[in-house]
């Protein structure tokens, strides 16, 4: 098999050390040549949710991953009109990199796995790629129950152990708004960018 890639999506508002640890763990365990960070677009049905403009989120991702040659920014979800579904993201990236399903891993947390049956076309998603499921505290997905909704799921996933760091973007934003330290929760270039741009200030 040639290139094997992983895909990690999110708002990355901001990207933090938890994202990087998950991506690194998946890259190491699964032998990924690339891990693509895919910032979410601004879905019209979530306009009431405040979100930092995509240009800032992309720049923070670039700063966060700059020192890791395995990591790469992808703007596939920002460069097309919505709605944006994971199944379409995977399909487009497989086409872009000319990859078979077995060479494409979609990286999610255990909490997302538990919700997978409610996603858009989940059966199609697990046909298009394999799932790298990172353990998170407090989530123990019931694979037997999930198999009833998504037959063949267990054969399409692999659990990836990773350091469990209790860092969340919402807590980081709140701390920045209170002008509290976010050092050691985000990469230093990201911390400096947030301060320089005055992001998350009320």
C-alpha atoms as a PDB file:
ATOM      1  CA  UNK A   1       0.000   0.000   0.000  1.00  0.00           C
ATOM      2  CA  UNK A   2       1.200   3.508  -0.803  1.00  0.00           C
ATOM      3  CA  UNK A   3       0.348   6.637   1.146  1.00  0.00           C
ATOM      4  CA  UNK A   4      -1.889   6.161   4.172  1.00  0.00           C
ATOM      5  CA  UNK A   5      -3.577   9.257   5.568  1.00  0.00           C
ATOM      6  CA  UNK A   6      -5.577  10.202   8.630  1.00  0.00           C
ATOM      7  CA  UNK A   7      -8.241  12.891   8.774  1.00  0.00           C
ATOM      8  CA  UNK A   8      -9.026  14.852  11.923  1.00  0.00           C
ATOM      9  CA  UNK A   9     -11.801  17.417  11.741  1.00  0.00           C
ATOM     10  CA  UNK A  10     -13.051  20.065  14.116  1.00  0.00           C
ATOM     11  CA  UNK A  11     -13.597  23.754  14.533  1.00  0.00           C
ATOM     12  CA  UNK A  12     -10.054  24.107  15.957  1.00  0.00           C
ATOM     13  CA  UNK A  13     -11.138  27.200  17.842  1.00  0.00           C
ATOM     14  CA  UNK A  14      -8.360  27.116  18.942  1.00  0.00           C
ATOM     15  CA  UNK A  15      -6.289  24.024  18.085  1.00  0.00           C
ATOM     16  CA  UNK A  16      -4.837  22.723  21.342  1.00  0.00           C
ATOM     17  CA  UNK A  17      -2.435  20.094  22.647  1.00  0.00           C
ATOM     18  CA  UNK A  18      -5.202  17.504  22.876  1.00  0.00           C
ATOM     19  CA  UNK A  19      -5.704  17.680  19.105  1.00  0.00           C
ATOM     20  CA  UNK A  20      -1.987  17.288  18.492  1.00  0.00           C
ATOM     21  CA  UNK A  21      -1.615  14.360  20.884  1.00  0.00           C
ATOM     22  CA  UNK A  22      -4.514  12.521  19.239  1.00  0.00           C
ATOM     23  CA  UNK A  23      -3.131  13.126  15.752  1.00  0.00           C
ATOM     24  CA  UNK A  24       0.379  12.040  16.754  1.00  0.00           C
ATOM     25  CA  UNK A  25      -0.867   8.884  18.476  1.00  0.00           C
ATOM     26  CA  UNK A  26      -2.930   7.885  15.445  1.00  0.00           C
ATOM     27  CA  UNK A  27      -0.052   8.661  13.115  1.00  0.00           C
ATOM     28  CA  UNK A  28       2.360   6.516  15.088  1.00  0.00           C
ATOM     29  CA  UNK A  29       0.066   3.555  15.710  1.00  0.00           C
ATOM     30  CA  UNK A  30      -1.429   3.363  12.223  1.00  0.00           C
ATOM     31  CA  UNK A  31       1.689   4.251  10.239  1.00  0.00           C
ATOM     32  CA  UNK A  32       0.153   7.342   8.649  1.00  0.00           C
ATOM     33  CA  UNK A  33       2.254   9.333   6.198  1.00  0.00           C
ATOM     34  CA  UNK A  34      -0.066  12.330   6.539  1.00  0.00           C
ATOM     35  CA  UNK A  35      -2.574  13.528   9.111  1.00  0.00           C
ATOM     36  CA  UNK A  36      -4.870  16.143   7.615  1.00  0.00           C
ATOM     37  CA  UNK A  37      -6.347  18.767   9.933  1.00  0.00           C
ATOM     38  CA  UNK A  38      -9.682  19.797   8.420  1.00  0.00           C
ATOM     39  CA  UNK A  39     -11.219  22.943   9.981  1.00  0.00           C
ATOM     40  CA  UNK A  40     -15.005  22.943   9.889  1.00  0.00           C
ATOM     41  CA  UNK A  41     -16.786  25.570   7.833  1.00  0.00           C
ATOM     42  CA  UNK A  42     -19.565  27.809   9.133  1.00  0.00           C
ATOM     43  CA  UNK A  43     -22.706  25.704   8.740  1.00  0.00           C
ATOM     44  CA  UNK A  44     -25.803  27.865   8.186  1.00  0.00           C
ATOM     45  CA  UNK A  45     -27.836  25.904  10.742  1.00  0.00           C
ATOM     46  CA  UNK A  46     -25.334  26.901  13.449  1.00  0.00           C
ATOM     47  CA  UNK A  47     -25.147  30.617  12.803  1.00  0.00           C
ATOM     48  CA  UNK A  48     -26.274  31.298  16.366  1.00  0.00           C
ATOM     49  CA  UNK A  49     -23.082  29.662  17.675  1.00  0.00           C
ATOM     50  CA  UNK A  50     -20.249  32.179  17.842  1.00  0.00           C
ATOM     51  CA  UNK A  51     -17.206  30.959  15.943  1.00  0.00           C
ATOM     52  CA  UNK A  52     -13.896  32.625  15.176  1.00  0.00           C
ATOM     53  CA  UNK A  53     -13.562  33.440  11.459  1.00  0.00           C
ATOM     54  CA  UNK A  54     -12.137  30.623   9.379  1.00  0.00           C
ATOM     55  CA  UNK A  55      -9.076  32.665   8.389  1.00  0.00           C
ATOM     56  CA  UNK A  56      -7.960  32.860  12.030  1.00  0.00           C
ATOM     57  CA  UNK A  57      -8.716  29.186  12.697  1.00  0.00           C
ATOM     58  CA  UNK A  58      -6.747  28.106   9.628  1.00  0.00           C
ATOM     59  CA  UNK A  59      -3.795  30.266  10.605  1.00  0.00           C
ATOM     60  CA  UNK A  60      -3.800  28.831  14.131  1.00  0.00           C
ATOM     61  CA  UNK A  61      -3.801  25.300  12.711  1.00  0.00           C
ATOM     62  CA  UNK A  62      -0.869  26.200  10.460  1.00  0.00           C
ATOM     63  CA  UNK A  63       1.047  27.532  13.454  1.00  0.00           C
ATOM     64  CA  UNK A  64       0.160  24.525  15.609  1.00  0.00           C
ATOM     65  CA  UNK A  65       1.355  21.918  13.100  1.00  0.00           C
ATOM     66  CA  UNK A  66       4.285  23.765  11.495  1.00  0.00           C
ATOM     67  CA  UNK A  67       6.968  21.719  13.249  1.00  0.00           C
ATOM     68  CA  UNK A  68       5.529  18.295  12.325  1.00  0.00           C
ATOM     69  CA  UNK A  69       6.136  17.207   8.709  1.00  0.00           C
ATOM     70  CA  UNK A  70       3.433  14.537   9.027  1.00  0.00           C
ATOM     71  CA  UNK A  71       0.708  17.098   9.747  1.00  0.00           C
ATOM     72  CA  UNK A  72      -0.985  19.111   7.011  1.00  0.00           C
ATOM     73  CA  UNK A  73      -3.829  21.632   6.818  1.00  0.00           C
ATOM     74  CA  UNK A  74      -6.725  20.849   4.475  1.00  0.00           C
ATOM     75  CA  UNK A  75      -9.338  23.475   3.630  1.00  0.00           C
ATOM     76  CA  UNK A  76     -11.602  21.014   1.808  1.00  0.00           C
ATOM     77  CA  UNK A  77     -14.582  21.929   4.006  1.00  0.00           C
ATOM     78  CA  UNK A  78     -13.925  25.657   3.708  1.00  0.00           C
ATOM     79  CA  UNK A  79     -13.527  25.673  -0.065  1.00  0.00           C
ATOM     80  CA  UNK A  80     -17.009  24.368  -0.888  1.00  0.00           C
ATOM     81  CA  UNK A  81     -20.600  25.307  -0.114  1.00  0.00           C
ATOM     82  CA  UNK A  82     -22.466  23.461   2.608  1.00  0.00           C
ATOM     83  CA  UNK A  83     -23.947  21.440   4.039  1.00  0.00           C
ATOM     84  CA  UNK A  84     -20.727  19.797   5.172  1.00  0.00           C
ATOM     85  CA  UNK A  85     -20.837  16.140   6.155  1.00  0.00           C
ATOM     86  CA  UNK A  86     -17.953  13.879   7.123  1.00  0.00           C
ATOM     87  CA  UNK A  87     -18.912  11.379   4.441  1.00  0.00           C
ATOM     88  CA  UNK A  88     -18.422  14.068   1.760  1.00  0.00           C
ATOM     89  CA  UNK A  89     -15.156  15.259   3.304  1.00  0.00           C
ATOM     90  CA  UNK A  90     -13.731  11.730   3.202  1.00  0.00           C
ATOM     91  CA  UNK A  91     -14.954  11.166  -0.353  1.00  0.00           C
ATOM     92  CA  UNK A  92     -13.335  14.391  -1.590  1.00  0.00           C
ATOM     93  CA  UNK A  93     -10.025  13.737   0.169  1.00  0.00           C
ATOM     94  CA  UNK A  94      -9.853  10.173  -1.118  1.00  0.00           C
ATOM     95  CA  UNK A  95     -10.317  11.554  -4.624  1.00  0.00           C
ATOM     96  CA  UNK A  96      -7.735  14.290  -4.048  1.00  0.00           C
ATOM     97  CA  UNK A  97      -5.080  11.822  -2.867  1.00  0.00           C
ATOM     98  CA  UNK A  98      -6.259   8.937  -5.081  1.00  0.00           C
ATOM     99  CA  UNK A  99      -6.637   6.579  -2.129  1.00  0.00           C
ATOM    100  CA  UNK A 100      -8.434   3.292  -1.571  1.00  0.00           C
ATOM    101  CA  UNK A 101     -10.672   3.020   1.469  1.00  0.00           C
ATOM    102  CA  UNK A 102      -8.119   0.951   3.371  1.00  0.00           C
ATOM    103  CA  UNK A 103      -5.566   3.789   3.128  1.00  0.00           C
ATOM    104  CA  UNK A 104      -7.840   6.403   4.671  1.00  0.00           C
ATOM    105  CA  UNK A 105      -8.485   6.714   8.406  1.00  0.00           C
ATOM    106  CA  UNK A 106     -11.036   9.059   9.944  1.00  0.00           C
ATOM    107  CA  UNK A 107      -9.892   9.966  13.462  1.00  0.00           C
ATOM    108  CA  UNK A 108     -12.624  10.418  16.073  1.00  0.00           C
ATOM    109  CA  UNK A 109     -13.101  10.223  19.825  1.00  0.00           C
ATOM    110  CA  UNK A 110     -15.011   7.534  21.662  1.00  0.00           C
ATOM    111  CA  UNK A 111     -17.846   9.980  22.301  1.00  0.00           C
ATOM    112  CA  UNK A 112     -18.228  10.557  18.556  1.00  0.00           C
ATOM    113  CA  UNK A 113     -18.260   6.808  17.938  1.00  0.00           C
ATOM    114  CA  UNK A 114     -21.213   6.442  20.308  1.00  0.00           C
ATOM    115  CA  UNK A 115     -23.104   9.046  18.244  1.00  0.00           C
ATOM    116  CA  UNK A 116     -22.110   7.614  14.863  1.00  0.00           C
ATOM    117  CA  UNK A 117     -25.534   6.079  14.023  1.00  0.00           C
ATOM    118  CA  UNK A 118     -27.023   9.619  14.086  1.00  0.00           C
ATOM    119  CA  UNK A 119     -24.490  10.957  11.558  1.00  0.00           C
ATOM    120  CA  UNK A 120     -25.311  11.580   7.906  1.00  0.00           C
ATOM    121  CA  UNK A 121     -24.933   8.324   5.938  1.00  0.00           C
ATOM    122  CA  UNK A 122     -22.848   6.495   8.576  1.00  0.00           C
ATOM    123  CA  UNK A 123     -22.962   3.210   6.649  1.00  0.00           C
ATOM    124  CA  UNK A 124     -21.474   4.936   3.636  1.00  0.00           C
ATOM    125  CA  UNK A 125     -18.818   6.583   5.795  1.00  0.00           C
ATOM    126  CA  UNK A 126     -17.471   3.259   7.070  1.00  0.00           C
ATOM    127  CA  UNK A 127     -17.398   1.979   3.498  1.00  0.00           C
ATOM    128  CA  UNK A 128     -15.292   4.959   2.408  1.00  0.00           C
ATOM    129  CA  UNK A 129     -12.697   4.793   5.192  1.00  0.00           C
ATOM    130  CA  UNK A 130     -11.662   3.119   8.401  1.00  0.00           C
ATOM    131  CA  UNK A 131     -12.178   4.674  11.826  1.00  0.00           C
ATOM    132  CA  UNK A 132      -9.366   5.418  14.267  1.00  0.00           C
ATOM    133  CA  UNK A 133     -11.127   5.768  17.613  1.00  0.00           C
ATOM    134  CA  UNK A 134      -9.195   7.525  20.366  1.00  0.00           C
ATOM    135  CA  UNK A 135     -10.190   6.644  23.913  1.00  0.00           C
ATOM    136  CA  UNK A 136     -11.527   9.540  25.964  1.00  0.00           C
ATOM    137  CA  UNK A 137     -12.351   9.664  29.671  1.00  0.00           C
ATOM    138  CA  UNK A 138     -15.846   8.559  30.609  1.00  0.00           C
ATOM    139  CA  UNK A 139     -16.796   7.067  27.231  1.00  0.00           C
ATOM    140  CA  UNK A 140     -17.080   3.318  26.762  1.00  0.00           C
ATOM    141  CA  UNK A 141     -18.937   2.744  23.501  1.00  0.00           C
ATOM    142  CA  UNK A 142     -21.055  -0.403  23.359  1.00  0.00           C
ATOM    143  CA  UNK A 143     -19.793  -2.008  20.162  1.00  0.00           C
ATOM    144  CA  UNK A 144     -22.433  -4.750  20.219  1.00  0.00           C
ATOM    145  CA  UNK A 145     -25.208  -2.167  20.268  1.00  0.00           C
ATOM    146  CA  UNK A 146     -23.504  -0.084  17.600  1.00  0.00           C
ATOM    147  CA  UNK A 147     -23.128  -3.145  15.370  1.00  0.00           C
ATOM    148  CA  UNK A 148     -26.903  -3.541  15.391  1.00  0.00           C
ATOM    149  CA  UNK A 149     -27.221  -0.086  13.825  1.00  0.00           C
ATOM    150  CA  UNK A 150     -24.091  -0.297  11.649  1.00  0.00           C
ATOM    151  CA  UNK A 151     -23.340  -3.903  10.682  1.00  0.00           C
ATOM    152  CA  UNK A 152     -19.639  -4.437  10.020  1.00  0.00           C
ATOM    153  CA  UNK A 153     -18.561  -1.447  12.106  1.00  0.00           C
ATOM    154  CA  UNK A 154     -16.242  -3.383  14.422  1.00  0.00           C
ATOM    155  CA  UNK A 155     -14.212  -4.646  11.476  1.00  0.00           C
ATOM    156  CA  UNK A 156     -13.769  -1.081  10.217  1.00  0.00           C
ATOM    157  CA  UNK A 157     -12.316   0.496  13.338  1.00  0.00           C
ATOM    158  CA  UNK A 158      -9.253   0.383  15.499  1.00  0.00           C
ATOM    159  CA  UNK A 159      -8.922   1.823  18.976  1.00  0.00           C
ATOM    160  CA  UNK A 160      -5.940   4.120  19.378  1.00  0.00           C
ATOM    161  CA  UNK A 161      -4.512   4.628  22.878  1.00  0.00           C
ATOM    162  CA  UNK A 162      -3.407   8.198  23.471  1.00  0.00           C
ATOM    163  CA  UNK A 163      -2.451  10.346  26.456  1.00  0.00           C
ATOM    164  CA  UNK A 164      -5.652  11.662  27.992  1.00  0.00           C
ATOM    165  CA  UNK A 165      -5.328  15.407  28.432  1.00  0.00           C
ATOM    166  CA  UNK A 166      -8.346  17.217  29.840  1.00  0.00           C
ATOM    167  CA  UNK A 167      -8.058  20.293  27.622  1.00  0.00           C
ATOM    168  CA  UNK A 168     -11.010  21.790  25.788  1.00  0.00           C
ATOM    169  CA  UNK A 169     -11.264  24.651  23.340  1.00  0.00           C
ATOM    170  CA  UNK A 170     -14.231  26.138  25.207  1.00  0.00           C
ATOM    171  CA  UNK A 171     -12.227  26.318  28.445  1.00  0.00           C
ATOM    172  CA  UNK A 172      -9.308  27.876  26.597  1.00  0.00           C
ATOM    173  CA  UNK A 173     -11.548  30.519  25.042  1.00  0.00           C
ATOM    174  CA  UNK A 174     -13.076  31.309  28.436  1.00  0.00           C
ATOM    175  CA  UNK A 175      -9.649  31.604  30.066  1.00  0.00           C
ATOM    176  CA  UNK A 176      -8.414  33.883  27.273  1.00  0.00           C
ATOM    177  CA  UNK A 177     -11.503  36.055  27.653  1.00  0.00           C
ATOM    178  CA  UNK A 178     -10.689  36.438  31.360  1.00  0.00           C
ATOM    179  CA  UNK A 179      -7.070  37.196  30.408  1.00  0.00           C
ATOM    180  CA  UNK A 180      -5.894  34.102  32.273  1.00  0.00           C
ATOM    181  CA  UNK A 181      -2.926  32.039  31.143  1.00  0.00           C
ATOM    182  CA  UNK A 182      -3.468  29.459  28.413  1.00  0.00           C
ATOM    183  CA  UNK A 183       0.210  28.588  28.255  1.00  0.00           C
ATOM    184  CA  UNK A 184       0.890  24.826  27.973  1.00  0.00           C
ATOM    185  CA  UNK A 185      -2.656  24.213  26.728  1.00  0.00           C
ATOM    186  CA  UNK A 186      -1.956  25.379  23.187  1.00  0.00           C
ATOM    187  CA  UNK A 187       1.308  25.444  21.244  1.00  0.00           C
ATOM    188  CA  UNK A 188       3.293  28.586  21.999  1.00  0.00           C
ATOM    189  CA  UNK A 189       2.897  30.049  18.467  1.00  0.00           C
ATOM    190  CA  UNK A 190      -0.874  29.665  18.825  1.00  0.00           C
ATOM    191  CA  UNK A 191      -0.848  31.333  22.248  1.00  0.00           C
ATOM    192  CA  UNK A 192       1.151  34.244  20.821  1.00  0.00           C
ATOM    193  CA  UNK A 193      -1.207  34.562  17.840  1.00  0.00           C
ATOM    194  CA  UNK A 194      -4.278  34.633  20.102  1.00  0.00           C
ATOM    195  CA  UNK A 195      -2.693  37.384  22.196  1.00  0.00           C
ATOM    196  CA  UNK A 196      -1.512  39.355  19.170  1.00  0.00           C
ATOM    197  CA  UNK A 197      -4.885  39.208  17.428  1.00  0.00           C
ATOM    198  CA  UNK A 198      -6.901  39.767  20.599  1.00  0.00           C
ATOM    199  CA  UNK A 199      -8.970  36.658  19.961  1.00  0.00           C
ATOM    200  CA  UNK A 200     -11.655  35.547  22.430  1.00  0.00           C
ATOM    201  CA  UNK A 201     -11.790  38.936  24.127  1.00  0.00           C
ATOM    202  CA  UNK A 202     -15.291  40.009  25.056  1.00  0.00           C
END
